[in-house]
């Protein structure tokens, strides 16, 4: 667990330092975030069952790109063409599976470099929150989805600039890596909405009511009845019912939402495109409560995670005094560390990410 702690500790120190200096140099941040990508990309037999699945997919992909037209291996028959193309390309280059994964880690972290710098003057802070809120799951397990998510997050620039065609093209590109990316199209119309605080509270209560009535699992069971034979994995998502509401979601999200609403006007003055990011954040929160027991939809909220981590980082803008602000940042990152550690210790009964093993140091 020590390598994970070192990674988070370094990111926390850099977050605190750049917050005090109010300046982030691009090159050091790029090098650090690329290191974060390599850290995940060079993993060896980590990330649970999905790691083995991805390795089987890669090793059974033909280097002549024929699998794009007629995939022979059964796992490739339901895999998006964009991911098959990239695998075929690296197979054509005679690259090993671990080299391929390192490339994916670098690609995703390079994309995050531009996204995090685009929407905050404290990109290290956003990165550190992301380490706790999405890095382990998406970089180590949901490999195809994080590629799609990064492409969608890059497309946010086109949304804010109101460039529909480039936005749609990027979303389509993302869907070639994970079909679920198509859900991101709803971002284009919703970012211009101006929702009042009362409206936000009504939406929150409505989403909680949907969750309490278990509409998610009812909807999932209904849809699964129309799926063709062989769609076992999707059926599992649709019919899978969780053991109950994660109380940590309420403890974290509800108070933070009301804090953001209370200081909304002050924060709005300090963050460019706040309304757009807030609406994306709100979608993330509403999905969390409305479909906590509907795994298929709950997983889709990852595309809106960018709004959540940016708005969460905006807590540092609330105080006028720097000393109070650094205290808020410290408490926020301390809480995020608890979330980070919990994920490490509970995923696959503590064996999904632990102990850390790297392909780069496998022979040492």
Foldseek 3Di string as FASTA:
>chain_A
DVVLVVLLVVLLVLLLVCLVVLADDLVVVLVSLLVLLQLLLQFDQFQPPQVVVLQVLLVQQALVLCLLPPNDDPSSVPFFSLVSVLSSPVVVVVDHPSVSSSVLSNVLSNLLSCLLVVWDSRSSLLVSLCLLVPSCNCSNYVSLLSQLLSLLSVLVVCLVVVPPPVNVVSLVSSCSSPVLSVVSNVLNVQLPDDAAPVRLVVLQVVLLVLLVVVVQLVVLCVVLVPDDPPPVVSNCLSNAFDPDQDVVLVVPPVVLSVVCNVCVVQLPVVTPSLSSLQRLLSVLSSQCNNNVGRRVSNVSNVSSVSSNSSSLLSVLRRDPDSVVSSVSSVVSSVVSVVSSVCCCCPVVNNRNCPPTDGNVVNPD
